[in-house]
Amino acid sequence: MYIEPLQIRGPEIIILLIVVVVLLFGATKIPELARSLGRATGEFKKGRVDAEKELEREGSDERQKLERAAKDLGINPTGLTDQQLKEQIQKHLLK
């Protein structure tokens, strides 16, 4: 005797998930859970933006340090990548 597995697709899954959530948490807890999820999402996005700004700031600080060091050694940093600047500085220091 063959029994076909239960096939649930598309909107049926969403309806089933909503029913399970209501059964687990109760109808009164769902708005509170949604607010908490919204706050957590907002905090995550804010943290991501802050981290991106910090990385950008650190990158520009490093570039400024490289340019300052290159100028002090008599190297023109215009048009050079960070890697090229590092190589030029290293070559100059090893002379």
PDB file of N, CA and C in Angstrom:
ATOM      1  N   MET A   1       0.837  -1.173   0.000  1.00  0.00           N
ATOM      2  CA  MET A   1       0.000   0.000   0.000  1.00  0.00           C
ATOM      3  C   MET A   1       0.886   1.242   0.000  1.00  0.00           C
ATOM      4  N   TYR A   2       0.686   2.126  -0.980  1.00  0.00           N
ATOM      5  CA  TYR A   2       1.495   3.325  -1.126  1.00  0.00           C
ATOM      6  C   TYR A   2       0.701   4.537  -0.667  1.00  0.00           C
ATOM      7  N   ILE A   3       1.327   5.340   0.202  1.00  0.00           N
ATOM      8  CA  ILE A   3       0.701   6.575   0.675  1.00  0.00           C
ATOM      9  C   ILE A   3       1.536   7.744   0.141  1.00  0.00           C
ATOM     10  N   GLU A   4       0.890   8.640  -0.586  1.00  0.00           N
ATOM     11  CA  GLU A   4       1.608   9.793  -1.130  1.00  0.00           C
ATOM     12  C   GLU A   4       1.947  10.762  -0.004  1.00  0.00           C
ATOM     13  N   PRO A   5       3.143  11.353  -0.087  1.00  0.00           N
ATOM     14  CA  PRO A   5       3.512  12.342   0.931  1.00  0.00           C
ATOM     15  C   PRO A   5       2.664  13.604   0.774  1.00  0.00           C
ATOM     16  N   LEU A   6       2.505  14.303   1.866  1.00  0.00           N
ATOM     17  CA  LEU A   6       1.724  15.535   1.874  1.00  0.00           C
ATOM     18  C   LEU A   6       2.459  16.598   1.075  1.00  0.00           C
ATOM     19  N   GLN A   7       1.799  17.152   0.071  1.00  0.00           N
ATOM     20  CA  GLN A   7       2.423  18.167  -0.762  1.00  0.00           C
ATOM     21  C   GLN A   7       1.784  19.520  -0.480  1.00  0.00           C
ATOM     22  N   ILE A   8       2.586  20.408   0.090  1.00  0.00           N
ATOM     23  CA  ILE A   8       2.107  21.751   0.417  1.00  0.00           C
ATOM     24  C   ILE A   8       2.940  22.735  -0.395  1.00  0.00           C
ATOM     25  N   ARG A   9       2.265  23.622  -1.107  1.00  0.00           N
ATOM     26  CA  ARG A   9       2.970  24.557  -1.974  1.00  0.00           C
ATOM     27  C   ARG A   9       2.474  25.982  -1.759  1.00  0.00           C
ATOM     28  N   GLY A  10       3.334  26.929  -2.155  1.00  0.00           N
ATOM     29  CA  GLY A  10       3.002  28.351  -2.228  1.00  0.00           C
ATOM     30  C   GLY A  10       2.272  28.923  -1.044  1.00  0.00           C
ATOM     31  N   PRO A  11       1.102  29.501  -1.275  1.00  0.00           N
ATOM     32  CA  PRO A  11       0.358  30.185  -0.219  1.00  0.00           C
ATOM     33  C   PRO A  11      -0.073  29.255   0.920  1.00  0.00           C
ATOM     34  N   GLU A  12      -0.193  27.994   0.615  1.00  0.00           N
ATOM     35  CA  GLU A  12      -0.588  27.042   1.660  1.00  0.00           C
ATOM     36  C   GLU A  12       0.456  26.987   2.778  1.00  0.00           C
ATOM     37  N   ILE A  13       1.734  27.120   2.425  1.00  0.00           N
ATOM     38  CA  ILE A  13       2.798  27.106   3.434  1.00  0.00           C
ATOM     39  C   ILE A  13       2.669  28.324   4.342  1.00  0.00           C
ATOM     40  N   ILE A  14       2.408  29.477   3.746  1.00  0.00           N
ATOM     41  CA  ILE A  14       2.269  30.704   4.536  1.00  0.00           C
ATOM     42  C   ILE A  14       1.103  30.587   5.507  1.00  0.00           C
ATOM     43  N   ILE A  15      -0.018  30.076   5.038  1.00  0.00           N
ATOM     44  CA  ILE A  15      -1.186  29.901   5.900  1.00  0.00           C
ATOM     45  C   ILE A  15      -0.872  28.926   7.027  1.00  0.00           C
ATOM     46  N   LEU A  16      -0.195  27.836   6.698  1.00  0.00           N
ATOM     47  CA  LEU A  16       0.179  26.847   7.712  1.00  0.00           C
ATOM     48  C   LEU A  16       1.120  27.464   8.750  1.00  0.00           C
ATOM     49  N   LEU A  17       2.086  28.261   8.307  1.00  0.00           N
ATOM     50  CA  LEU A  17       3.003  28.914   9.248  1.00  0.00           C
ATOM     51  C   LEU A  17       2.262  29.879  10.163  1.00  0.00           C
ATOM     52  N   ILE A  18       1.327  30.632   9.618  1.00  0.00           N
ATOM     53  CA  ILE A  18       0.552  31.563  10.443  1.00  0.00           C
ATOM     54  C   ILE A  18      -0.238  30.803  11.505  1.00  0.00           C
ATOM     55  N   VAL A  19      -0.851  29.706  11.116  1.00  0.00           N
ATOM     56  CA  VAL A  19      -1.616  28.894  12.070  1.00  0.00           C
ATOM     57  C   VAL A  19      -0.699  28.361  13.167  1.00  0.00           C
ATOM     58  N   VAL A  20       0.473  27.867  12.803  1.00  0.00           N
ATOM     59  CA  VAL A  20       1.413  27.326  13.791  1.00  0.00           C
ATOM     60  C   VAL A  20       1.870  28.421  14.745  1.00  0.00           C
ATOM     61  N   VAL A  21       2.184  29.613  14.219  1.00  0.00           N
ATOM     62  CA  VAL A  21       2.622  30.723  15.067  1.00  0.00           C
ATOM     63  C   VAL A  21       1.518  31.125  16.036  1.00  0.00           C
ATOM     64  N   VAL A  22       0.297  31.207  15.566  1.00  0.00           N
ATOM     65  CA  VAL A  22      -0.817  31.569  16.443  1.00  0.00           C
ATOM     66  C   VAL A  22      -1.002  30.515  17.525  1.00  0.00           C
ATOM     67  N   LEU A  23      -0.889  29.258  17.157  1.00  0.00           N
ATOM     68  CA  LEU A  23      -1.032  28.196  18.153  1.00  0.00           C
ATOM     69  C   LEU A  23       0.093  28.220  19.178  1.00  0.00           C
ATOM     70  N   LEU A  24       1.314  28.496  18.739  1.00  0.00           N
ATOM     71  CA  LEU A  24       2.452  28.500  19.659  1.00  0.00           C
ATOM     72  C   LEU A  24       2.454  29.707  20.593  1.00  0.00           C
ATOM     73  N   PHE A  25       2.206  30.892  20.055  1.00  0.00           N
ATOM     74  CA  PHE A  25       2.370  32.104  20.845  1.00  0.00           C
ATOM     75  C   PHE A  25       1.060  32.731  21.296  1.00  0.00           C
ATOM     76  N   GLY A  26      -0.019  32.412  20.659  1.00  0.00           N
ATOM     77  CA  GLY A  26      -1.292  33.044  20.990  1.00  0.00           C
ATOM     78  C   GLY A  26      -1.444  34.346  20.228  1.00  0.00           C
ATOM     79  N   ALA A  27      -2.664  34.716  19.951  1.00  0.00           N
ATOM     80  CA  ALA A  27      -2.948  35.892  19.127  1.00  0.00           C
ATOM     81  C   ALA A  27      -2.493  37.188  19.789  1.00  0.00           C
ATOM     82  N   THR A  28      -2.447  37.236  21.122  1.00  0.00           N
ATOM     83  CA  THR A  28      -2.078  38.486  21.798  1.00  0.00           C
ATOM     84  C   THR A  28      -0.575  38.745  21.741  1.00  0.00           C
ATOM     85  N   LYS A  29       0.233  37.729  21.583  1.00  0.00           N
ATOM     86  CA  LYS A  29       1.691  37.887  21.564  1.00  0.00           C
ATOM     87  C   LYS A  29       2.233  38.246  20.178  1.00  0.00           C
ATOM     88  N   ILE A  30       1.469  38.015  19.140  1.00  0.00           N
ATOM     89  CA  ILE A  30       1.971  38.230  17.775  1.00  0.00           C
ATOM     90  C   ILE A  30       2.350  39.692  17.517  1.00  0.00           C
ATOM     91  N   PRO A  31       1.534  40.695  17.888  1.00  0.00           N
ATOM     92  CA  PRO A  31       1.969  42.086  17.664  1.00  0.00           C
ATOM     93  C   PRO A  31       3.258  42.428  18.414  1.00  0.00           C
ATOM     94  N   GLU A  32       3.387  41.907  19.628  1.00  0.00           N
ATOM     95  CA  GLU A  32       4.608  42.142  20.399  1.00  0.00           C
ATOM     96  C   GLU A  32       5.819  41.510  19.713  1.00  0.00           C
ATOM     97  N   LEU A  33       5.656  40.316  19.201  1.00  0.00           N
ATOM     98  CA  LEU A  33       6.741  39.652  18.469  1.00  0.00           C
ATOM     99  C   LEU A  33       7.108  40.437  17.207  1.00  0.00           C
ATOM    100  N   ALA A  34       6.114  40.951  16.508  1.00  0.00           N
ATOM    101  CA  ALA A  34       6.365  41.727  15.295  1.00  0.00           C
ATOM    102  C   ALA A  34       7.119  43.014  15.621  1.00  0.00           C
ATOM    103  N   ARG A  35       6.736  43.685  16.710  1.00  0.00           N
ATOM    104  CA  ARG A  35       7.450  44.900  17.121  1.00  0.00           C
ATOM    105  C   ARG A  35       8.896  44.580  17.474  1.00  0.00           C
ATOM    106  N   SER A  36       9.099  43.513  18.202  1.00  0.00           N
ATOM    107  CA  SER A  36      10.459  43.113  18.581  1.00  0.00           C
ATOM    108  C   SER A  36      11.294  42.790  17.349  1.00  0.00           C
ATOM    109  N   LEU A  37      10.701  42.101  16.405  1.00  0.00           N
ATOM    110  CA  LEU A  37      11.406  41.770  15.164  1.00  0.00           C
ATOM    111  C   LEU A  37      11.739  43.037  14.385  1.00  0.00           C
ATOM    112  N   GLY A  38      10.824  43.989  14.344  1.00  0.00           N
ATOM    113  CA  GLY A  38      11.071  45.262  13.670  1.00  0.00           C
ATOM    114  C   GLY A  38      12.197  46.041  14.324  1.00  0.00           C
ATOM    115  N   ARG A  39      12.198  46.085  15.657  1.00  0.00           N
ATOM    116  CA  ARG A  39      13.279  46.777  16.379  1.00  0.00           C
ATOM    117  C   ARG A  39      14.614  46.106  16.120  1.00  0.00           C
ATOM    118  N   ALA A  40      14.632  44.793  16.180  1.00  0.00           N
ATOM    119  CA  ALA A  40      15.880  44.055  15.944  1.00  0.00           C
ATOM    120  C   ALA A  40      16.397  44.299  14.532  1.00  0.00           C
ATOM    121  N   THR A  41      15.496  44.318  13.556  1.00  0.00           N
ATOM    122  CA  THR A  41      15.893  44.582  12.169  1.00  0.00           C
ATOM    123  C   THR A  41      16.463  45.994  12.043  1.00  0.00           C
ATOM    124  N   GLY A  42      15.818  46.959  12.684  1.00  0.00           N
ATOM    125  CA  GLY A  42      16.302  48.340  12.653  1.00  0.00           C
ATOM    126  C   GLY A  42      17.676  48.474  13.283  1.00  0.00           C
ATOM    127  N   GLU A  43      17.882  47.819  14.423  1.00  0.00           N
ATOM    128  CA  GLU A  43      19.188  47.864  15.093  1.00  0.00           C
ATOM    129  C   GLU A  43      20.265  47.211  14.233  1.00  0.00           C
ATOM    130  N   PHE A  44      19.905  46.117  13.573  1.00  0.00           N
ATOM    131  CA  PHE A  44      20.860  45.440  12.701  1.00  0.00           C
ATOM    132  C   PHE A  44      21.281  46.352  11.548  1.00  0.00           C
ATOM    133  N   LYS A  45      20.300  46.998  10.915  1.00  0.00           N
ATOM    134  CA  LYS A  45      20.603  47.900   9.799  1.00  0.00           C
ATOM    135  C   LYS A  45      21.457  49.073  10.269  1.00  0.00           C
ATOM    136  N   LYS A  46      21.125  49.630  11.432  1.00  0.00           N
ATOM    137  CA  LYS A  46      21.898  50.748  11.976  1.00  0.00           C
ATOM    138  C   LYS A  46      23.331  50.315  12.251  1.00  0.00           C
ATOM    139  N   GLY A  47      23.503  49.140  12.825  1.00  0.00           N
ATOM    140  CA  GLY A  47      24.840  48.624  13.094  1.00  0.00           C
ATOM    141  C   GLY A  47      25.632  48.395  11.823  1.00  0.00           C
ATOM    142  N   ARG A  48      24.960  47.888  10.794  1.00  0.00           N
ATOM    143  CA  ARG A  48      25.630  47.646   9.516  1.00  0.00           C
ATOM    144  C   ARG A  48      26.096  48.962   8.895  1.00  0.00           C
ATOM    145  N   VAL A  49      25.232  49.985   8.930  1.00  0.00           N
ATOM    146  CA  VAL A  49      25.599  51.293   8.373  1.00  0.00           C
ATOM    147  C   VAL A  49      26.769  51.889   9.159  1.00  0.00           C
ATOM    148  N   ASP A  50      26.719  51.788  10.487  1.00  0.00           N
ATOM    149  CA  ASP A  50      27.807  52.312  11.312  1.00  0.00           C
ATOM    150  C   ASP A  50      29.118  51.592  11.007  1.00  0.00           C
ATOM    151  N   ALA A  51      29.060  50.277  10.845  1.00  0.00           N
ATOM    152  CA  ALA A  51      30.267  49.505  10.539  1.00  0.00           C
ATOM    153  C   ALA A  51      30.825  49.881   9.170  1.00  0.00           C
ATOM    154  N   GLU A  52      29.952  50.081   8.189  1.00  0.00           N
ATOM    155  CA  GLU A  52      30.409  50.490   6.859  1.00  0.00           C
ATOM    156  C   GLU A  52      31.068  51.860   6.906  1.00  0.00           C
ATOM    157  N   LYS A  53      30.493  52.793   7.667  1.00  0.00           N
ATOM    158  CA  LYS A  53      31.091  54.125   7.796  1.00  0.00           C
ATOM    159  C   LYS A  53      32.462  54.043   8.467  1.00  0.00           C
ATOM    160  N   GLU A  54      32.572  53.212   9.485  1.00  0.00           N
ATOM    161  CA  GLU A  54      33.843  53.057  10.200  1.00  0.00           C
ATOM    162  C   GLU A  54      34.911  52.463   9.285  1.00  0.00           C
ATOM    163  N   LEU A  55      34.546  51.454   8.502  1.00  0.00           N
ATOM    164  CA  LEU A  55      35.498  50.860   7.564  1.00  0.00           C
ATOM    165  C   LEU A  55      35.929  51.872   6.510  1.00  0.00           C
ATOM    166  N   GLU A  56      34.988  52.661   6.028  1.00  0.00           N
ATOM    167  CA  GLU A  56      35.313  53.682   5.037  1.00  0.00           C
ATOM    168  C   GLU A  56      36.260  54.716   5.637  1.00  0.00           C
ATOM    169  N   ARG A  57      35.987  55.130   6.866  1.00  0.00           N
ATOM    170  CA  ARG A  57      36.823  56.112   7.549  1.00  0.00           C
ATOM    171  C   ARG A  57      38.225  55.565   7.757  1.00  0.00           C
ATOM    172  N   GLU A  58      38.338  54.298   8.184  1.00  0.00           N
ATOM    173  CA  GLU A  58      39.647  53.689   8.394  1.00  0.00           C
ATOM    174  C   GLU A  58      40.417  53.587   7.088  1.00  0.00           C
ATOM    175  N   GLY A  59      39.715  53.257   6.003  1.00  0.00           N
ATOM    176  CA  GLY A  59      40.369  53.157   4.705  1.00  0.00           C
ATOM    177  C   GLY A  59      40.924  54.496   4.254  1.00  0.00           C
ATOM    178  N   SER A  60      40.167  55.566   4.457  1.00  0.00           N
ATOM    179  CA  SER A  60      40.645  56.886   4.046  1.00  0.00           C
ATOM    180  C   SER A  60      41.785  57.338   4.947  1.00  0.00           C
ATOM    181  N   ASP A  61      41.746  56.982   6.247  1.00  0.00           N
ATOM    182  CA  ASP A  61      42.842  57.316   7.159  1.00  0.00           C
ATOM    183  C   ASP A  61      44.120  56.618   6.718  1.00  0.00           C
ATOM    184  N   GLU A  62      44.009  55.352   6.317  1.00  0.00           N
ATOM    185  CA  GLU A  62      45.186  54.608   5.878  1.00  0.00           C
ATOM    186  C   GLU A  62      45.748  55.233   4.610  1.00  0.00           C
ATOM    187  N   ARG A  63      44.890  55.633   3.690  1.00  0.00           N
ATOM    188  CA  ARG A  63      45.334  56.267   2.450  1.00  0.00           C
ATOM    189  C   ARG A  63      46.069  57.562   2.758  1.00  0.00           C
ATOM    190  N   GLN A  64      45.546  58.350   3.672  1.00  0.00           N
ATOM    191  CA  GLN A  64      46.198  59.606   4.036  1.00  0.00           C
ATOM    192  C   GLN A  64      47.571  59.359   4.646  1.00  0.00           C
ATOM    193  N   LYS A  65      47.680  58.326   5.480  1.00  0.00           N
ATOM    194  CA  LYS A  65      48.970  57.990   6.077  1.00  0.00           C
ATOM    195  C   LYS A  65      49.967  57.569   5.003  1.00  0.00           C
ATOM    196  N   LEU A  66      49.501  56.755   4.044  1.00  0.00           N
ATOM    197  CA  LEU A  66      50.378  56.325   2.957  1.00  0.00           C
ATOM    198  C   LEU A  66      50.848  57.518   2.135  1.00  0.00           C
ATOM    199  N   GLU A  67      49.926  58.420   1.804  1.00  0.00           N
ATOM    200  CA  GLU A  67      50.294  59.587   1.011  1.00  0.00           C
ATOM    201  C   GLU A  67      51.276  60.478   1.763  1.00  0.00           C
ATOM    202  N   ARG A  68      51.051  60.655   3.046  1.00  0.00           N
ATOM    203  CA  ARG A  68      51.949  61.472   3.862  1.00  0.00           C
ATOM    204  C   ARG A  68      53.345  60.866   3.899  1.00  0.00           C
ATOM    205  N   ALA A  69      53.407  59.539   4.105  1.00  0.00           N
ATOM    206  CA  ALA A  69      54.706  58.866   4.138  1.00  0.00           C
ATOM    207  C   ALA A  69      55.405  58.967   2.788  1.00  0.00           C
ATOM    208  N   ALA A  70      54.636  58.794   1.704  1.00  0.00           N
ATOM    209  CA  ALA A  70      55.220  58.875   0.366  1.00  0.00           C
ATOM    210  C   ALA A  70      55.765  60.273   0.110  1.00  0.00           C
ATOM    211  N   LYS A  71      55.018  61.290   0.455  1.00  0.00           N
ATOM    212  CA  LYS A  71      55.478  62.663   0.237  1.00  0.00           C
ATOM    213  C   LYS A  71      56.725  62.953   1.058  1.00  0.00           C
ATOM    214  N   ASP A  72      56.761  62.442   2.290  1.00  0.00           N
ATOM    215  CA  ASP A  72      57.945  62.636   3.131  1.00  0.00           C
ATOM    216  C   ASP A  72      59.186  61.999   2.510  1.00  0.00           C
ATOM    217  N   LEU A  73      58.987  60.926   1.757  1.00  0.00           N
ATOM    218  CA  LEU A  73      60.105  60.233   1.116  1.00  0.00           C
ATOM    219  C   LEU A  73      60.375  60.753  -0.292  1.00  0.00           C
ATOM    220  N   GLY A  74      59.600  61.736  -0.741  1.00  0.00           N
ATOM    221  CA  GLY A  74      59.809  62.312  -2.059  1.00  0.00           C
ATOM    222  C   GLY A  74      59.119  61.548  -3.176  1.00  0.00           C
ATOM    223  N   ILE A  75      58.102  60.761  -2.852  1.00  0.00           N
ATOM    224  CA  ILE A  75      57.360  59.981  -3.843  1.00  0.00           C
ATOM    225  C   ILE A  75      56.047  60.704  -4.138  1.00  0.00           C
ATOM    226  N   ASN A  76      55.721  60.847  -5.424  1.00  0.00           N
ATOM    227  CA  ASN A  76      54.463  61.479  -5.811  1.00  0.00           C
ATOM    228  C   ASN A  76      53.353  60.421  -5.789  1.00  0.00           C
ATOM    229  N   PRO A  77      52.379  60.533  -4.878  1.00  0.00           N
ATOM    230  CA  PRO A  77      51.343  59.501  -4.755  1.00  0.00           C
ATOM    231  C   PRO A  77      50.209  59.615  -5.777  1.00  0.00           C
ATOM    232  N   THR A  78      50.219  60.639  -6.596  1.00  0.00           N
ATOM    233  CA  THR A  78      49.126  60.874  -7.539  1.00  0.00           C
ATOM    234  C   THR A  78      49.016  59.720  -8.537  1.00  0.00           C
ATOM    235  N   GLY A  79      47.834  59.140  -8.648  1.00  0.00           N
ATOM    236  CA  GLY A  79      47.558  58.091  -9.618  1.00  0.00           C
ATOM    237  C   GLY A  79      48.014  56.710  -9.198  1.00  0.00           C
ATOM    238  N   LEU A  80      48.549  56.559  -8.013  1.00  0.00           N
ATOM    239  CA  LEU A  80      49.008  55.246  -7.546  1.00  0.00           C
ATOM    240  C   LEU A  80      47.974  54.617  -6.613  1.00  0.00           C
ATOM    241  N   THR A  81      47.829  53.295  -6.719  1.00  0.00           N
ATOM    242  CA  THR A  81      46.941  52.578  -5.804  1.00  0.00           C
ATOM    243  C   THR A  81      47.633  52.431  -4.462  1.00  0.00           C
ATOM    244  N   ASP A  82      46.888  52.013  -3.470  1.00  0.00           N
ATOM    245  CA  ASP A  82      47.476  51.785  -2.151  1.00  0.00           C
ATOM    246  C   ASP A  82      48.608  50.773  -2.229  1.00  0.00           C
ATOM    247  N   GLN A  83      48.397  49.702  -2.972  1.00  0.00           N
ATOM    248  CA  GLN A  83      49.413  48.659  -3.098  1.00  0.00           C
ATOM    249  C   GLN A  83      50.664  49.213  -3.770  1.00  0.00           C
ATOM    250  N   GLN A  84      50.491  49.993  -4.832  1.00  0.00           N
ATOM    251  CA  GLN A  84      51.642  50.573  -5.520  1.00  0.00           C
ATOM    252  C   GLN A  84      52.398  51.536  -4.608  1.00  0.00           C
ATOM    253  N   LEU A  85      51.644  52.313  -3.822  1.00  0.00           N
ATOM    254  CA  LEU A  85      52.289  53.223  -2.873  1.00  0.00           C
ATOM    255  C   LEU A  85      53.110  52.450  -1.854  1.00  0.00           C
ATOM    256  N   LYS A  86      52.541  51.367  -1.335  1.00  0.00           N
ATOM    257  CA  LYS A  86      53.274  50.545  -0.359  1.00  0.00           C
ATOM    258  C   LYS A  86      54.551  49.994  -0.965  1.00  0.00           C
ATOM    259  N   GLU A  87      54.481  49.543  -2.209  1.00  0.00           N
ATOM    260  CA  GLU A  87      55.664  49.000  -2.873  1.00  0.00           C
ATOM    261  C   GLU A  87      56.710  50.080  -3.085  1.00  0.00           C
ATOM    262  N   GLN A  88      56.277  51.276  -3.500  1.00  0.00           N
ATOM    263  CA  GLN A  88      57.220  52.375  -3.721  1.00  0.00           C
ATOM    264  C   GLN A  88      57.903  52.778  -2.413  1.00  0.00           C
ATOM    265  N   ILE A  89      57.126  52.856  -1.339  1.00  0.00           N
ATOM    266  CA  ILE A  89      57.683  53.214  -0.027  1.00  0.00           C
ATOM    267  C   ILE A  89      58.681  52.155   0.415  1.00  0.00           C
ATOM    268  N   GLN A  90      58.316  50.888   0.242  1.00  0.00           N
ATOM    269  CA  GLN A  90      59.205  49.795   0.643  1.00  0.00           C
ATOM    270  C   GLN A  90      60.504  49.836  -0.160  1.00  0.00           C
ATOM    271  N   LYS A  91      60.408  50.041  -1.465  1.00  0.00           N
ATOM    272  CA  LYS A  91      61.607  50.128  -2.297  1.00  0.00           C
ATOM    273  C   LYS A  91      62.502  51.274  -1.843  1.00  0.00           C
ATOM    274  N   HIS A  92      61.879  52.416  -1.547  1.00  0.00           N
ATOM    275  CA  HIS A  92      62.653  53.578  -1.125  1.00  0.00           C
ATOM    276  C   HIS A  92      63.348  53.327   0.212  1.00  0.00           C
ATOM    277  N   LEU A  93      62.659  52.632   1.122  1.00  0.00           N
ATOM    278  CA  LEU A  93      63.246  52.363   2.428  1.00  0.00           C
ATOM    279  C   LEU A  93      64.363  51.322   2.372  1.00  0.00           C
ATOM    280  N   LEU A  94      64.304  50.414   1.395  1.00  0.00           N
ATOM    281  CA  LEU A  94      65.310  49.367   1.295  1.00  0.00           C
ATOM    282  C   LEU A  94      66.568  49.810   0.541  1.00  0.00           C
ATOM    283  N   LYS A  95      66.548  51.012  -0.023  1.00  0.00           N
ATOM    284  CA  LYS A  95      67.721  51.533  -0.741  1.00  0.00           C
ATOM    285  C   LYS A  95      68.864  51.775   0.184  1.00  0.00           C
TER     286      LYS A  95
END
